[in-house]
Amino acid sequence: MKNFKTILAAMAMTVAAAAGAQTLKMEHQVAGITTYETSTAVNLVVVKPEVRIDDLDPSVLTVNTNGVERNVLTVYPSDSRGAFNPEGEYLALGLEKSAEQGIGLSKAGSVWKEEYDLKVGLKKGKVIKVGKQKFTAIECGTDKALRDFISEADYFSKGTFTGRLTGKPGDVTLTYASYEPWSLKGDGVANPLVIWLHGGGEGGVDVSITLLGNEVVSLIRPEIQSHFTTEGGAGGAYVLSVQCPTMWMGTSKGFGHGEYPSLYADVLKSCIDDFVDRHPDIDRNRIYLGGCSNGGFMTMHMLIRNPRYFAAAYPTCEAYLDQNISDNEIKRLAEENIWFVQSYDDTTVEAETHCISTFRRLVKAGAKNVWMSMFETVQGMDNPDRKIMGHFAWCYLFNDAVTMSQEQSEGDVVPTNNGGGTVAPQGHANIFDWMNAQVLTAPEMPQHGRRR
């Protein structure tokens, strides 16, 4: 009888505990995206709990992103977009970084995946107390977490430009994103413009793909912006990233490597002209053009078609075949200010038949301000022990690690991961410092590099 009473008492306590336990419902609001050198990750989740929670220990929570359990490092009250707000009715959950969280592109190529599972839960044995309420479970999840997200791309303004195709009749619309800091608009001086052209995998109509796919957003981070200075100005540069619907290497004859004009040659130039016209505080003598792979091809193509328009160019793993550049075009390019970047182990765009051959011809043609950083391999900086695919030389650029050039010589190239060479172009030990110094109307000055 005594044992029976004990069992009944235990059952009563269990029922009472169960009656007091509740499931806390939260509504997913938005995911926060961080872009890294080779991947993009969900590192922030914003939710709206059914009751206001003023103090929540992040260690009791867990978040599952696309099948991977993540620790929650921080929790703070916010607005619906994750901005801190002490009176906010939302909670922003900051997640521990995970290298497995690359979100990738859909099979269609040029759009983000909407399908991305995300669940917020309570760790086993943990409870959340809010007043007299006790919650032993959390109900919160979505299978389309990327239908809406926040990222550094939100610091850019978005727009479109329509103009004529090159080599065939008809018009085409480009999409673009521009970084236009208020500090520059109000500093009363003309400021530089840095242009980026995307690679082959980032074409389409969603310009955030171009910004986040290859960490182009690093161009607006303080580490790179600090290299750009203007006397009497606030410091920094405008940034313009332009996206074509397909690939810059598309021509009226099909996919090309410089044999025929790009379909987008004229509309891109018109787009840049229009942007500059609408921003009178951009210095027309300090427009800098660059891009990677497919965008590196277009950088070379634009230099050839528009001599002495760009103050400097920084083509990265550029895909313009050297054999398609004529001797006359080489003579004109030798008057430009160019800094090539590539890794020698690139198997997508062979360095020898592209930038190395072009670099040698430019040196032979008398180029004084043409440089080339040739890395041996691509080593990660987000994950220093990681070797990355050789084509990803833009990782060095966006990590602000392109610091040296090869000798200006027709001789052998000596790839090195120590900045890409042994020469400091014009005494500048950084590609962005060098870029900042290039001005179309600058007086003649010694152009020789300094060895280190």
Protein backbone atom coordinates (compact mmCIF):
# COMPACT_ATOMS: atom_id res chain seq x y z
CA MET A 1 0.00 0.00 0.00
CA LYS A 2 2.85 2.31 0.88
CA ASN A 3 4.50 1.67 -2.50
CA PHE A 4 1.21 2.32 -4.27
CA LYS A 5 0.86 5.70 -2.52
CA THR A 6 4.42 6.56 -3.50
CA ILE A 7 3.66 5.75 -7.12
CA LEU A 8 0.49 7.88 -7.02
CA ALA A 9 2.40 10.80 -5.51
CA ALA A 10 5.07 10.57 -8.19
CA MET A 11 2.42 10.46 -10.89
CA ALA A 12 0.73 13.51 -9.40
CA MET A 13 4.01 15.40 -9.35
CA THR A 14 4.67 14.43 -12.98
CA VAL A 15 1.20 15.59 -14.03
CA ALA A 16 1.67 18.85 -12.15
CA ALA A 17 5.05 19.40 -13.73
CA ALA A 18 3.63 18.64 -17.15
CA ALA A 19 0.78 21.03 -16.53
CA GLY A 20 3.27 23.75 -15.68
CA ALA A 21 5.51 23.05 -18.68
CA GLN A 22 4.76 24.82 -21.94
CA THR A 23 6.09 25.08 -25.47
CA LEU A 24 7.35 28.53 -26.40
CA LYS A 25 6.31 29.48 -29.91
CA MET A 26 8.61 31.71 -31.96
CA GLU A 27 8.05 33.01 -35.47
CA HIS A 28 11.04 33.09 -37.82
CA GLN A 29 11.59 36.57 -39.27
CA VAL A 30 14.82 36.71 -41.23
CA ALA A 31 18.24 35.08 -41.56
CA GLY A 32 21.49 37.03 -41.48
CA ILE A 33 24.11 36.08 -44.09
CA THR A 34 27.88 36.41 -43.71
CA THR A 35 30.10 35.98 -46.76
CA TYR A 36 33.56 34.43 -46.54
CA GLU A 37 36.33 33.85 -49.07
CA THR A 38 34.80 30.66 -50.51
CA SER A 39 31.35 30.34 -48.98
CA THR A 40 28.38 32.14 -47.55
CA ALA A 41 26.86 31.30 -44.17
CA VAL A 42 23.80 31.87 -42.03
CA ASN A 43 25.22 33.34 -38.81
CA LEU A 44 22.24 35.30 -37.47
CA VAL A 45 18.61 34.34 -36.94
CA VAL A 46 15.87 36.80 -35.98
CA VAL A 47 12.74 35.43 -34.33
CA LYS A 48 9.61 36.83 -32.69
CA PRO A 49 8.67 34.98 -29.47
CA GLU A 50 5.02 34.84 -28.45
CA VAL A 51 5.91 36.45 -25.11
CA ARG A 52 8.40 39.20 -24.39
CA ILE A 53 11.70 37.86 -23.09
CA ASP A 54 13.99 40.44 -21.51
CA ASP A 55 16.85 38.15 -20.54
CA LEU A 56 17.73 34.88 -22.22
CA ASP A 57 20.82 32.77 -21.72
CA PRO A 58 22.12 31.87 -25.22
CA SER A 59 23.66 28.62 -23.92
CA VAL A 60 20.22 27.03 -23.48
CA LEU A 61 19.40 27.44 -27.17
CA THR A 62 20.36 25.51 -30.27
CA VAL A 63 19.79 26.36 -33.91
CA ASN A 64 19.78 23.80 -36.71
CA THR A 65 20.74 25.29 -40.08
CA ASN A 66 20.27 22.95 -43.01
CA GLY A 67 20.85 19.88 -40.87
CA VAL A 68 23.80 21.11 -38.80
CA GLU A 69 23.43 21.89 -35.09
CA ARG A 70 24.82 25.34 -34.19
CA ASN A 71 25.60 26.86 -30.82
CA VAL A 72 24.07 30.24 -30.03
CA LEU A 73 26.70 32.72 -28.81
CA THR A 74 24.63 35.86 -28.29
CA VAL A 75 21.02 36.88 -27.87
CA TYR A 76 19.84 40.49 -27.92
CA PRO A 77 16.55 42.38 -28.35
CA SER A 78 16.15 43.74 -31.86
CA ASP A 79 13.85 45.05 -34.52
CA SER A 80 12.53 42.73 -37.23
CA ARG A 81 15.76 43.09 -39.25
CA GLY A 82 18.18 42.28 -36.45
CA ALA A 83 19.20 45.81 -35.46
CA PHE A 84 19.69 46.19 -31.70
CA ASN A 85 16.68 47.74 -29.99
CA PRO A 86 16.38 47.51 -26.20
CA GLU A 87 12.61 47.86 -26.56
CA GLY A 88 12.34 45.45 -29.48
CA GLU A 89 9.87 42.59 -29.46
CA TYR A 90 12.20 40.41 -31.54
CA LEU A 91 15.26 38.41 -30.58
CA ALA A 92 18.42 38.19 -32.67
CA LEU A 93 20.42 34.99 -32.20
CA GLY A 94 24.10 35.17 -33.13
CA LEU A 95 25.48 31.76 -34.13
CA GLU A 96 28.88 30.20 -33.78
CA LYS A 97 30.69 30.24 -37.11
CA SER A 98 30.47 27.00 -39.06
CA ALA A 99 32.56 26.26 -42.13
CA GLU A 100 29.88 23.80 -43.28
CA GLN A 101 27.25 26.45 -43.86
CA GLY A 102 27.87 27.50 -47.46
CA ILE A 103 24.41 28.19 -48.84
CA GLY A 104 25.32 28.05 -52.53
CA LEU A 105 23.22 28.81 -55.57
CA SER A 106 20.24 26.96 -56.96
CA LYS A 107 20.55 24.69 -60.01
CA ALA A 108 19.11 27.55 -62.06
CA GLY A 109 22.43 29.27 -61.40
CA SER A 110 21.60 32.90 -60.74
CA VAL A 111 19.23 32.89 -57.78
CA TRP A 112 19.63 32.04 -54.13
CA LYS A 113 18.06 28.89 -52.82
CA GLU A 114 14.85 29.67 -50.96
CA GLU A 115 14.80 26.13 -49.63
CA TYR A 116 16.90 26.17 -46.48
CA ASP A 117 15.80 24.43 -43.29
CA LEU A 118 16.17 26.37 -40.08
CA LYS A 119 14.95 25.39 -36.63
CA VAL A 120 15.36 26.98 -33.22
CA GLY A 121 15.23 24.64 -30.24
CA LEU A 122 15.90 24.26 -26.54
CA LYS A 123 18.76 22.07 -25.40
CA LYS A 124 17.84 18.89 -23.56
CA GLY A 125 17.07 19.49 -19.90
CA LYS A 126 17.02 23.28 -20.24
CA VAL A 127 14.09 25.55 -19.44
CA ILE A 128 13.16 29.17 -20.10
CA LYS A 129 11.32 31.01 -17.33
CA VAL A 130 9.31 34.12 -18.07
CA GLY A 131 7.52 35.36 -14.98
CA LYS A 132 5.46 32.44 -13.70
CA GLN A 133 5.64 30.66 -17.03
CA LYS A 134 8.09 27.85 -17.62
CA PHE A 135 8.91 26.67 -21.13
CA THR A 136 10.55 23.31 -21.72
CA ALA A 137 10.43 23.32 -25.51
CA ILE A 138 10.54 25.77 -28.44
CA GLU A 139 8.48 25.57 -31.60
CA CYS A 140 10.13 27.54 -34.38
CA GLY A 141 11.10 26.49 -37.88
CA THR A 142 10.93 27.15 -41.60
CA ASP A 143 12.05 25.33 -44.72
CA LYS A 144 12.48 28.57 -46.70
CA ALA A 145 14.82 30.56 -44.51
CA LEU A 146 16.44 32.30 -47.48
CA ARG A 147 13.26 33.75 -48.93
CA ASP A 148 14.35 36.88 -47.09
CA PHE A 149 17.77 37.61 -45.60
CA ILE A 150 19.95 40.45 -44.40
CA SER A 151 23.61 40.88 -45.35
CA GLU A 152 26.33 43.42 -46.14
CA ALA A 153 24.69 43.69 -49.56
CA ASP A 154 22.06 45.84 -47.82
CA TYR A 155 24.60 48.68 -47.64
CA PHE A 156 24.38 48.96 -51.43
CA SER A 157 21.76 50.72 -53.50
CA LYS A 158 20.31 48.60 -56.32
CA GLY A 159 19.40 49.67 -59.83
CA THR A 160 19.15 48.70 -63.49
CA PHE A 161 20.38 50.18 -66.75
CA THR A 162 19.10 49.37 -70.23
CA GLY A 163 21.11 49.93 -73.39
CA ARG A 164 21.97 48.42 -76.74
CA LEU A 165 23.67 45.10 -77.31
CA THR A 166 26.98 44.91 -79.16
CA GLY A 167 27.20 42.85 -82.34
CA LYS A 168 23.48 42.13 -82.65
CA PRO A 169 20.26 44.16 -82.63
CA GLY A 170 18.27 44.73 -79.49
CA ASP A 171 18.56 46.08 -75.99
CA VAL A 172 19.63 44.44 -72.75
CA THR A 173 19.25 45.35 -69.09
CA LEU A 174 22.12 45.26 -66.62
CA THR A 175 21.63 45.13 -62.87
CA TYR A 176 23.99 47.01 -60.58
CA ALA A 177 24.72 47.71 -56.93
CA SER A 178 26.42 50.87 -55.73
CA TYR A 179 27.99 51.82 -52.43
CA GLU A 180 27.55 55.55 -51.92
CA PRO A 181 28.68 56.61 -48.43
CA TRP A 182 27.20 59.88 -47.17
CA SER A 183 30.64 60.90 -45.92
CA LEU A 184 31.83 61.16 -49.53
CA LYS A 185 28.73 62.89 -50.84
CA GLY A 186 29.19 65.69 -48.36
CA ASP A 187 32.96 66.13 -48.28
CA GLY A 188 33.06 68.73 -51.07
CA VAL A 189 35.74 67.00 -53.17
CA ALA A 190 35.84 64.59 -56.11
CA ASN A 191 36.22 60.98 -54.96
CA PRO A 192 37.41 57.75 -56.62
CA LEU A 193 35.17 55.04 -58.04
CA VAL A 194 36.06 51.33 -57.79
CA ILE A 195 34.21 49.08 -60.28
CA TRP A 196 33.93 45.29 -60.00
CA LEU A 197 32.78 42.89 -62.74
CA HIS A 198 31.61 39.45 -61.63
CA GLY A 199 32.79 35.99 -62.62
CA GLY A 200 31.02 33.41 -64.73
CA GLY A 201 28.84 32.04 -61.93
CA GLU A 202 27.31 35.31 -60.77
CA GLY A 203 25.38 36.56 -63.79
CA GLY A 204 21.60 37.02 -63.63
CA VAL A 205 19.19 39.60 -62.27
CA ASP A 206 19.88 39.43 -58.52
CA VAL A 207 22.88 41.66 -57.89
CA SER A 208 23.33 40.36 -54.34
CA ILE A 209 24.73 37.23 -56.03
CA THR A 210 27.64 39.31 -57.36
CA LEU A 211 28.23 40.95 -53.98
CA LEU A 212 28.10 37.87 -51.78
CA GLY A 213 29.19 35.09 -54.12
CA ASN A 214 32.87 36.07 -54.10
CA GLU A 215 33.07 38.39 -51.07
CA VAL A 216 32.88 41.54 -53.20
CA VAL A 217 31.37 43.23 -50.13
CA SER A 218 34.92 43.36 -48.75
CA LEU A 219 35.44 46.40 -51.00
CA ILE A 220 33.29 48.46 -48.63
CA ARG A 221 34.89 47.18 -45.43
CA PRO A 222 37.21 49.57 -43.55
CA GLU A 223 40.32 47.49 -44.30
CA ILE A 224 40.07 48.23 -48.03
CA GLN A 225 38.23 51.56 -47.91
CA SER A 226 41.05 52.97 -45.77
CA HIS A 227 43.47 52.66 -48.70
CA PHE A 228 41.56 55.30 -50.66
CA THR A 229 42.30 58.87 -49.71
CA THR A 230 41.55 62.24 -51.26
CA GLU A 231 43.22 65.45 -50.15
CA GLY A 232 40.72 67.47 -48.17
CA GLY A 233 38.15 64.68 -48.33
CA ALA A 234 36.63 62.16 -45.97
CA GLY A 235 38.53 59.15 -47.35
CA GLY A 236 37.12 56.06 -48.98
CA ALA A 237 35.73 55.29 -52.42
CA TYR A 238 32.48 54.73 -54.24
CA VAL A 239 31.98 51.11 -55.30
CA LEU A 240 29.97 49.95 -58.33
CA SER A 241 29.32 46.27 -59.06
CA VAL A 242 27.61 45.56 -62.38
CA GLN A 243 25.82 42.32 -63.30
CA CYS A 244 25.00 41.10 -66.81
CA PRO A 245 22.17 38.58 -67.39
CA THR A 246 24.52 35.78 -68.54
CA MET A 247 28.31 36.02 -68.97
CA TRP A 248 30.49 38.94 -70.03
CA MET A 249 32.21 36.55 -72.46
CA GLY A 250 29.01 36.07 -74.44
CA THR A 251 29.22 37.31 -78.05
CA SER A 252 26.99 37.36 -81.13
CA LYS A 253 28.92 34.27 -82.23
CA GLY A 254 28.58 32.44 -78.92
CA PHE A 255 30.94 32.10 -75.98
CA GLY A 256 34.31 33.74 -76.66
CA HIS A 257 37.77 34.55 -75.28
CA GLY A 258 38.36 37.78 -77.16
CA GLU A 259 37.78 36.67 -80.75
CA TYR A 260 34.64 38.84 -80.99
CA PRO A 261 33.22 41.78 -79.05
CA SER A 262 31.25 41.02 -75.91
CA LEU A 263 27.51 41.47 -76.23
CA TYR A 264 27.71 43.80 -73.23
CA ALA A 265 30.63 46.03 -74.25
CA ASP A 266 28.57 49.08 -75.23
CA VAL A 267 25.88 48.82 -72.58
CA LEU A 268 28.45 48.43 -69.81
CA LYS A 269 30.31 51.55 -70.90
CA SER A 270 27.01 53.43 -71.09
CA CYS A 271 26.04 52.16 -67.64
CA ILE A 272 29.32 53.42 -66.16
CA ASP A 273 28.99 56.78 -67.94
CA ASP A 274 25.44 57.16 -66.66
CA PHE A 275 26.45 56.37 -63.09
CA VAL A 276 29.31 58.86 -63.19
CA ASP A 277 27.07 61.53 -64.74
CA ARG A 278 24.57 61.09 -61.91
CA HIS A 279 27.29 61.44 -59.27
CA PRO A 280 29.12 64.69 -59.98
CA ASP A 281 31.43 64.20 -57.00
CA ILE A 282 33.06 61.16 -58.64
CA ASP A 283 36.51 61.98 -59.95
CA ARG A 284 36.51 61.07 -63.64
CA ASN A 285 40.29 60.81 -63.49
CA ARG A 286 40.15 58.15 -60.77
CA ILE A 287 37.91 55.38 -62.06
CA TYR A 288 39.34 51.92 -61.33
CA LEU A 289 38.10 48.79 -63.11
CA GLY A 290 38.55 45.15 -62.15
CA GLY A 291 36.91 41.75 -62.11
CA CYS A 292 37.62 38.06 -61.79
CA SER A 293 37.77 35.36 -64.47
CA ASN A 294 34.86 36.21 -66.78
CA GLY A 295 34.91 39.71 -65.24
CA GLY A 296 38.69 39.84 -65.70
CA PHE A 297 38.12 39.13 -69.38
CA MET A 298 35.67 42.03 -69.51
CA THR A 299 38.16 44.28 -67.72
CA MET A 300 40.71 43.65 -70.49
CA HIS A 301 38.02 44.03 -73.14
CA MET A 302 36.98 47.42 -71.76
CA LEU A 303 40.58 48.61 -71.60
CA ILE A 304 41.08 47.69 -75.24
CA ARG A 305 37.85 49.36 -76.38
CA ASN A 306 38.16 52.46 -74.17
CA PRO A 307 41.81 53.54 -74.02
CA ARG A 308 42.78 55.95 -71.25
CA TYR A 309 39.30 56.02 -69.75
CA PHE A 310 40.15 54.07 -66.61
CA ALA A 311 42.88 55.35 -64.31
CA ALA A 312 43.84 51.79 -63.37
CA ALA A 313 42.73 48.21 -63.87
CA TYR A 314 43.09 45.15 -61.66
CA PRO A 315 42.11 42.07 -63.71
CA THR A 316 42.13 38.90 -61.59
CA CYS A 317 42.57 35.44 -63.16
CA GLU A 318 41.47 37.16 -66.36
CA ALA A 319 40.15 34.95 -69.15
CA TYR A 320 41.09 37.01 -72.23
CA LEU A 321 43.32 34.73 -74.34
CA ASP A 322 46.59 36.50 -75.09
CA GLN A 323 46.57 35.20 -78.68
CA ASN A 324 43.44 37.27 -79.32
CA ILE A 325 45.15 40.54 -78.37
CA SER A 326 46.76 42.14 -81.44
CA ASP A 327 50.17 43.82 -81.43
CA ASN A 328 48.48 47.20 -81.92
CA GLU A 329 46.23 46.55 -78.94
CA ILE A 330 49.28 45.60 -76.87
CA LYS A 331 50.88 48.94 -77.77
CA ARG A 332 47.79 50.77 -76.53
CA LEU A 333 47.51 48.63 -73.39
CA ALA A 334 51.15 49.39 -72.60
CA GLU A 335 50.01 52.97 -71.90
CA GLU A 336 47.50 51.80 -69.28
CA ASN A 337 48.03 51.26 -65.55
CA ILE A 338 47.36 47.56 -64.89
CA TRP A 339 47.99 45.15 -62.03
CA PHE A 340 47.26 41.49 -62.89
CA VAL A 341 46.52 38.96 -60.13
CA GLN A 342 46.50 35.18 -60.55
CA SER A 343 47.60 31.89 -59.00
CA TYR A 344 49.93 29.74 -61.07
CA ASP A 345 48.04 26.53 -60.22
CA ASP A 346 44.82 27.85 -61.78
CA THR A 347 43.37 25.03 -63.88
CA THR A 348 40.30 26.98 -65.01
CA VAL A 349 42.18 29.82 -66.69
CA GLU A 350 45.74 28.85 -67.60
CA ALA A 351 48.08 31.60 -66.44
CA GLU A 352 50.69 31.07 -69.17
CA THR A 353 48.25 31.54 -72.06
CA HIS A 354 46.48 34.48 -70.48
CA CYS A 355 47.97 37.06 -68.13
CA ILE A 356 51.60 35.84 -68.15
CA SER A 357 51.90 35.99 -71.95
CA THR A 358 50.13 39.35 -72.02
CA PHE A 359 52.33 40.71 -69.24
CA ARG A 360 55.51 39.73 -71.08
CA ARG A 361 54.31 41.34 -74.31
CA LEU A 362 53.39 44.53 -72.46
CA VAL A 363 56.82 44.70 -70.84
CA LYS A 364 58.45 44.16 -74.24
CA ALA A 365 56.24 46.95 -75.65
CA GLY A 366 57.67 49.35 -73.07
CA ALA A 367 54.93 49.33 -70.41
CA LYS A 368 56.12 51.21 -67.33
CA ASN A 369 53.16 50.83 -65.00
CA VAL A 370 51.99 47.26 -65.64
CA TRP A 371 52.44 44.73 -62.84
CA MET A 372 51.58 41.13 -62.05
CA SER A 373 51.17 39.28 -58.77
CA MET A 374 51.58 35.56 -59.39
CA PHE A 375 50.82 33.34 -56.42
CA GLU A 376 51.95 29.75 -56.17
CA THR A 377 48.68 28.49 -54.68
CA VAL A 378 45.61 29.97 -53.04
CA GLN A 379 45.78 29.57 -49.28
CA GLY A 380 42.78 30.42 -47.16
CA MET A 381 42.86 33.25 -44.67
CA ASP A 382 39.47 32.60 -43.05
CA ASN A 383 40.82 29.06 -42.54
CA PRO A 384 44.62 29.47 -42.80
CA ASP A 385 45.40 25.77 -43.12
CA ARG A 386 43.06 25.32 -46.05
CA LYS A 387 44.26 25.18 -49.65
CA ILE A 388 41.69 26.62 -52.01
CA MET A 389 41.07 25.94 -55.70
CA GLY A 390 43.75 27.73 -57.75
CA HIS A 391 41.22 29.76 -59.73
CA PHE A 392 40.14 31.62 -56.58
CA ALA A 393 42.96 34.19 -56.67
CA TRP A 394 40.41 36.90 -55.88
CA CYS A 395 40.60 35.63 -52.28
CA TYR A 396 43.98 37.37 -51.98
CA LEU A 397 42.51 40.56 -53.40
CA PHE A 398 39.52 40.68 -51.09
CA ASN A 399 41.65 39.70 -48.10
CA ASP A 400 43.81 42.76 -48.82
CA ALA A 401 46.82 40.48 -49.35
CA VAL A 402 48.04 41.47 -52.84
CA THR A 403 51.20 43.34 -51.91
CA MET A 404 54.01 42.51 -54.35
CA SER A 405 54.56 42.16 -58.10
CA GLN A 406 56.77 40.02 -60.25
CA GLU A 407 59.78 41.64 -61.93
CA GLN A 408 58.93 43.66 -65.03
CA SER A 409 60.70 41.17 -67.26
CA GLU A 410 60.12 38.91 -70.24
CA GLY A 411 61.87 36.15 -68.30
CA ASP A 412 60.57 33.38 -66.09
CA VAL A 413 57.82 34.03 -63.59
CA VAL A 414 58.55 32.98 -60.00
CA PRO A 415 55.23 32.32 -58.25
CA THR A 416 55.20 33.06 -54.53
CA ASN A 417 52.58 33.22 -51.82
CA ASN A 418 54.49 36.07 -50.20
CA GLY A 419 52.35 38.82 -51.73
CA GLY A 420 52.71 37.51 -55.29
CA GLY A 421 56.21 38.76 -56.07
CA THR A 422 59.26 40.73 -54.89
CA VAL A 423 58.65 44.21 -56.29
CA ALA A 424 56.64 47.02 -54.70
CA PRO A 425 55.05 48.83 -57.70
CA GLN A 426 55.92 52.54 -57.58
CA GLY A 427 56.92 51.93 -53.97
CA HIS A 428 53.39 50.88 -52.98
CA ALA A 429 53.30 47.61 -51.06
CA ASN A 430 49.59 47.05 -51.63
CA ILE A 431 47.46 46.90 -54.76
CA PHE A 432 44.85 49.30 -53.34
CA ASP A 433 47.47 51.86 -52.28
CA TRP A 434 48.86 51.68 -55.82
CA MET A 435 45.38 52.00 -57.28
CA ASN A 436 44.59 55.02 -55.12
CA ALA A 437 47.69 56.78 -56.50
CA GLN A 438 46.72 56.38 -60.16
CA VAL A 439 45.28 59.53 -61.74
CA LEU A 440 44.73 59.96 -65.47
CA THR A 441 45.93 63.56 -65.54
CA ALA A 442 48.81 63.08 -63.10
CA PRO A 443 52.15 64.56 -64.24
CA GLU A 444 54.92 62.26 -65.37
CA MET A 445 56.70 60.55 -62.49
CA PRO A 446 59.19 57.69 -62.06
CA GLN A 447 57.25 54.47 -62.59
CA HIS A 448 59.84 51.91 -61.54
CA GLY A 449 59.17 49.38 -58.82
CA ARG A 450 61.22 48.97 -55.68
CA ARG A 451 62.58 45.56 -54.77
CA ARG A 452 62.16 44.07 -51.33
